[in-house]
C-alpha atoms as a PDB file:
ATOM      1  CA  UNK A   1      56.867  35.152 114.579  1.00  0.00           C
ATOM      2  CA  UNK A   2      58.560  34.367 111.104  1.00  0.00           C
ATOM      3  CA  UNK A   3      56.633  32.399 107.946  1.00  0.00           C
ATOM      4  CA  UNK A   4      58.269  29.156 108.959  1.00  0.00           C
ATOM      5  CA  UNK A   5      57.353  29.513 113.076  1.00  0.00           C
ATOM      6  CA  UNK A   6      53.652  30.019 111.839  1.00  0.00           C
ATOM      7  CA  UNK A   7      53.854  27.397 109.275  1.00  0.00           C
ATOM      8  CA  UNK A   8      55.605  24.839 112.297  1.00  0.00           C
ATOM      9  CA  UNK A   9      52.744  25.950 114.447  1.00  0.00           C
ATOM     10  CA  UNK A  10      49.740  25.242 112.578  1.00  0.00           C
ATOM     11  CA  UNK A  11      50.817  22.749 110.295  1.00  0.00           C
ATOM     12  CA  UNK A  12      49.662  24.459 107.445  1.00  0.00           C
ATOM     13  CA  UNK A  13      52.384  25.451 104.731  1.00  0.00           C
ATOM     14  CA  UNK A  14      54.099  28.578 104.184  1.00  0.00           C
ATOM     15  CA  UNK A  15      52.750  28.999 100.345  1.00  0.00           C
ATOM     16  CA  UNK A  16      49.101  28.337 101.467  1.00  0.00           C
ATOM     17  CA  UNK A  17      49.975  31.091 104.786  1.00  0.00           C
ATOM     18  CA  UNK A  18      50.689  33.448 101.844  1.00  0.00           C
ATOM     19  CA  UNK A  19      47.284  32.419 100.181  1.00  0.00           C
ATOM     20  CA  UNK A  20      45.538  32.960 103.295  1.00  0.00           C
ATOM     21  CA  UNK A  21      47.319  36.592 103.804  1.00  0.00           C
ATOM     22  CA  UNK A  22      46.561  37.240 100.046  1.00  0.00           C
ATOM     23  CA  UNK A  23      42.505  36.897 100.464  1.00  0.00           C
ATOM     24  CA  UNK A  24      42.845  38.902 103.849  1.00  0.00           C
ATOM     25  CA  UNK A  25      42.640  36.227 106.061  1.00  0.00           C
ATOM     26  CA  UNK A  26      45.901  37.350 107.841  1.00  0.00           C
ATOM     27  CA  UNK A  27      48.033  39.780 108.154  1.00  0.00           C
ATOM     28  CA  UNK A  28      51.713  40.360 108.479  1.00  0.00           C
ATOM     29  CA  UNK A  29      53.845  43.029 109.107  1.00  0.00           C
ATOM     30  CA  UNK A  30      57.236  43.579 107.289  1.00  0.00           C
ATOM     31  CA  UNK A  31      60.306  43.711 108.723  1.00  0.00           C
ATOM     32  CA  UNK A  32      63.195  46.148 107.619  1.00  0.00           C
ATOM     33  CA  UNK A  33      64.545  43.109 105.565  1.00  0.00           C
ATOM     34  CA  UNK A  34      61.273  42.294 103.948  1.00  0.00           C
ATOM     35  CA  UNK A  35      60.340  39.109 105.862  1.00  0.00           C
ATOM     36  CA  UNK A  36      56.472  38.518 107.306  1.00  0.00           C
ATOM     37  CA  UNK A  37      56.365  38.798 111.006  1.00  0.00           C
ATOM     38  CA  UNK A  38      53.251  37.340 112.484  1.00  0.00           C
ATOM     39  CA  UNK A  39      51.328  38.384 115.616  1.00  0.00           C
ATOM     40  CA  UNK A  40      50.573  35.513 117.871  1.00  0.00           C
ATOM     41  CA  UNK A  41      47.261  35.798 117.381  1.00  0.00           C
ATOM     42  CA  UNK A  42      47.407  34.294 113.672  1.00  0.00           C
ATOM     43  CA  UNK A  43      48.439  30.871 115.487  1.00  0.00           C
ATOM     44  CA  UNK A  44      44.767  30.718 116.620  1.00  0.00           C
ATOM     45  CA  UNK A  45      43.101  32.472 113.599  1.00  0.00           C
ATOM     46  CA  UNK A  46      44.808  29.678 111.337  1.00  0.00           C
ATOM     47  CA  UNK A  47      43.727  27.225 113.062  1.00  0.00           C
ATOM     48  CA  UNK A  48      39.893  28.796 112.899  1.00  0.00           C
ATOM     49  CA  UNK A  49      40.314  29.359 109.292  1.00  0.00           C
ATOM     50  CA  UNK A  50      41.687  25.625 108.477  1.00  0.00           C
ATOM     51  CA  UNK A  51      38.589  24.268 110.130  1.00  0.00           C
ATOM     52  CA  UNK A  52      36.152  26.580 108.430  1.00  0.00           C
ATOM     53  CA  UNK A  53      37.795  25.730 104.907  1.00  0.00           C
ATOM     54  CA  UNK A  54      37.100  21.946 106.423  1.00  0.00           C
ATOM     55  CA  UNK A  55      34.094  22.450 107.093  1.00  0.00           C
ATOM     56  CA  UNK A  56      33.422  23.603 103.200  1.00  0.00           C
ATOM     57  CA  UNK A  57      33.275  27.518 103.745  1.00  0.00           C
ATOM     58  CA  UNK A  58      34.544  29.377 101.041  1.00  0.00           C
ATOM     59  CA  UNK A  59      37.594  32.048 101.862  1.00  0.00           C
ATOM     60  CA  UNK A  60      34.997  34.537 100.552  1.00  0.00           C
ATOM     61  CA  UNK A  61      32.653  33.938 103.430  1.00  0.00           C
ATOM     62  CA  UNK A  62      35.533  32.558 105.924  1.00  0.00           C
ATOM     63  CA  UNK A  63      36.508  36.667 105.683  1.00  0.00           C
ATOM     64  CA  UNK A  64      33.036  38.088 105.966  1.00  0.00           C
ATOM     65  CA  UNK A  65      33.465  36.289 109.340  1.00  0.00           C
ATOM     66  CA  UNK A  66      36.670  37.307 109.927  1.00  0.00           C
ATOM     67  CA  UNK A  67      35.397  40.227 112.857  1.00  0.00           C
ATOM     68  CA  UNK A  68      33.461  37.406 114.898  1.00  0.00           C
ATOM     69  CA  UNK A  69      36.815  35.028 115.022  1.00  0.00           C
ATOM     70  CA  UNK A  70      38.224  36.962 117.740  1.00  0.00           C
ATOM     71  CA  UNK A  71      37.915  34.233 119.992  1.00  0.00           C
ATOM     72  CA  UNK A  72      39.616  31.068 119.730  1.00  0.00           C
ATOM     73  CA  UNK A  73      37.584  27.808 118.621  1.00  0.00           C
ATOM     74  CA  UNK A  74      34.591  30.067 118.846  1.00  0.00           C
ATOM     75  CA  UNK A  75      32.226  32.627 116.096  1.00  0.00           C
ATOM     76  CA  UNK A  76      31.197  35.233 118.338  1.00  0.00           C
ATOM     77  CA  UNK A  77      28.746  37.936 116.243  1.00  0.00           C
ATOM     78  CA  UNK A  78      27.920  40.686 118.655  1.00  0.00           C
ATOM     79  CA  UNK A  79      25.188  42.731 116.091  1.00  0.00           C
ATOM     80  CA  UNK A  80      25.057  40.175 113.742  1.00  0.00           C
ATOM     81  CA  UNK A  81      22.985  41.971 110.079  1.00  0.00           C
ATOM     82  CA  UNK A  82      20.541  39.788 108.512  1.00  0.00           C
ATOM     83  CA  UNK A  83      22.655  39.273 105.577  1.00  0.00           C
ATOM     84  CA  UNK A  84      25.273  37.486 107.899  1.00  0.00           C
ATOM     85  CA  UNK A  85      22.762  35.457 109.685  1.00  0.00           C
ATOM     86  CA  UNK A  86      21.395  34.368 105.982  1.00  0.00           C
ATOM     87  CA  UNK A  87      25.221  33.360 104.787  1.00  0.00           C
ATOM     88  CA  UNK A  88      25.220  31.468 108.107  1.00  0.00           C
ATOM     89  CA  UNK A  89      22.356  29.529 107.384  1.00  0.00           C
ATOM     90  CA  UNK A  90      22.972  28.696 104.311  1.00  0.00           C
ATOM     91  CA  UNK A  91      26.515  27.661 105.176  1.00  0.00           C
ATOM     92  CA  UNK A  92      24.863  25.245 108.037  1.00  0.00           C
ATOM     93  CA  UNK A  93      22.503  23.804 105.732  1.00  0.00           C
ATOM     94  CA  UNK A  94      25.382  22.915 102.876  1.00  0.00           C
ATOM     95  CA  UNK A  95      27.277  21.456 106.508  1.00  0.00           C
ATOM     96  CA  UNK A  96      24.587  19.238 107.382  1.00  0.00           C
ATOM     97  CA  UNK A  97      23.544  17.690 103.765  1.00  0.00           C
ATOM     98  CA  UNK A  98      27.690  17.379 103.120  1.00  0.00           C
ATOM     99  CA  UNK A  99      27.119  15.233 106.857  1.00  0.00           C
ATOM    100  CA  UNK A 100      24.801  13.329 105.707  1.00  0.00           C
ATOM    101  CA  UNK A 101      26.398  11.916 103.100  1.00  0.00           C
ATOM    102  CA  UNK A 102      29.376  11.550 104.643  1.00  0.00           C
ATOM    103  CA  UNK A 103      27.302   9.327 106.869  1.00  0.00           C
ATOM    104  CA  UNK A 104      25.742   7.283 104.196  1.00  0.00           C
ATOM    105  CA  UNK A 105      29.419   6.941 102.771  1.00  0.00           C
ATOM    106  CA  UNK A 106      31.137   5.784 105.508  1.00  0.00           C
ATOM    107  CA  UNK A 107      27.820   3.273 106.048  1.00  0.00           C
ATOM    108  CA  UNK A 108      28.479   2.108 102.989  1.00  0.00           C
ATOM    109  CA  UNK A 109      32.249   1.422 103.548  1.00  0.00           C
ATOM    110  CA  UNK A 110      31.472  -0.279 106.844  1.00  0.00           C
ATOM    111  CA  UNK A 111      29.242  -2.246 105.257  1.00  0.00           C
ATOM    112  CA  UNK A 112      31.800  -3.415 102.586  1.00  0.00           C
ATOM    113  CA  UNK A 113      34.434  -3.729 105.087  1.00  0.00           C
ATOM    114  CA  UNK A 114      31.913  -5.911 107.391  1.00  0.00           C
ATOM    115  CA  UNK A 115      31.244  -8.183 104.435  1.00  0.00           C
ATOM    116  CA  UNK A 116      35.223  -8.575 103.092  1.00  0.00           C
ATOM    117  CA  UNK A 117      36.071  -9.453 106.926  1.00  0.00           C
ATOM    118  CA  UNK A 118      33.895 -12.503 107.017  1.00  0.00           C
ATOM    119  CA  UNK A 119      35.442 -13.814 104.044  1.00  0.00           C
ATOM    120  CA  UNK A 120      32.715 -16.811 102.599  1.00  0.00           C
ATOM    121  CA  UNK A 121      29.868 -14.460 103.348  1.00  0.00           C
ATOM    122  CA  UNK A 122      31.291 -11.888 100.811  1.00  0.00           C
ATOM    123  CA  UNK A 123      29.793 -13.132  97.204  1.00  0.00           C
ATOM    124  CA  UNK A 124      32.298 -13.396  94.439  1.00  0.00           C
ATOM    125  CA  UNK A 125      29.808 -11.705  92.380  1.00  0.00           C
ATOM    126  CA  UNK A 126      27.707  -8.589  93.216  1.00  0.00           C
ATOM    127  CA  UNK A 127      24.510  -7.228  91.019  1.00  0.00           C
ATOM    128  CA  UNK A 128      24.237  -3.842  90.125  1.00  0.00           C
ATOM    129  CA  UNK A 129      21.115  -2.266  89.679  1.00  0.00           C
ATOM    130  CA  UNK A 130      20.578  -3.118  85.859  1.00  0.00           C
ATOM    131  CA  UNK A 131      20.971  -6.711  86.815  1.00  0.00           C
ATOM    132  CA  UNK A 132      24.097  -7.551  85.448  1.00  0.00           C
ATOM    133  CA  UNK A 133      26.892  -9.094  87.541  1.00  0.00           C
ATOM    134  CA  UNK A 134      29.957  -6.759  88.658  1.00  0.00           C
ATOM    135  CA  UNK A 135      33.210  -8.691  88.719  1.00  0.00           C
ATOM    136  CA  UNK A 136      34.901 -10.189  91.693  1.00  0.00           C
ATOM    137  CA  UNK A 137      36.657  -7.862  93.403  1.00  0.00           C
ATOM    138  CA  UNK A 138      34.772  -4.791  91.974  1.00  0.00           C
ATOM    139  CA  UNK A 139      34.619  -1.537  94.548  1.00  0.00           C
ATOM    140  CA  UNK A 140      32.444  -1.134  97.061  1.00  0.00           C
ATOM    141  CA  UNK A 141      29.104   0.423  96.187  1.00  0.00           C
ATOM    142  CA  UNK A 142      29.527   3.773  97.702  1.00  0.00           C
ATOM    143  CA  UNK A 143      25.626   6.331  98.208  1.00  0.00           C
ATOM    144  CA  UNK A 144      25.990   9.608  96.103  1.00  0.00           C
ATOM    145  CA  UNK A 145      26.714  12.728  97.004  1.00  0.00           C
ATOM    146  CA  UNK A 146      23.872  15.588  97.126  1.00  0.00           C
END
C-alpha cells in the first residue's frame, strides 16, 4: 500500500510515517517509480508505535523493542536480555510517575470544575500559598508534575 493509504488507515500523517521510516521503525519497498510501498503488517506496527510514543517511550527505545513487536497489541520478548529488562523497568517507572501526575492534575481540574458548576460555592478570590488573593477568574490550581 502507498503512504497515503497507510496514513488513512492509521490516522498518522504521511510526514510522520516518513519520520518513522527514517528512525527505522517501519520500512517500505520502493516501486519502480519511486513510490513507497508498505506491507499490510505496518498498519498494526504504526498503531503500536503510536501507542508506545503516547506512553512516553522514545523512538530510540521503541526501535530496541521492534523485534518484540511481532504480535499486534502485545510486546513479546522470547529471550530478553538483562539490558532489555532494565530498560523496560525504567520506562515502566517513568510511565507510573506520569500516570500519578496526570491523576493529580485530573483531580485538580475535576475539583475546580465542580466548584465552578456549583456557582455560588466558588469564591470570587482564592488565596494562594503565599497568602495573597488571586483575582477572580484566575486559572485553576494544577498539581505540579514530577
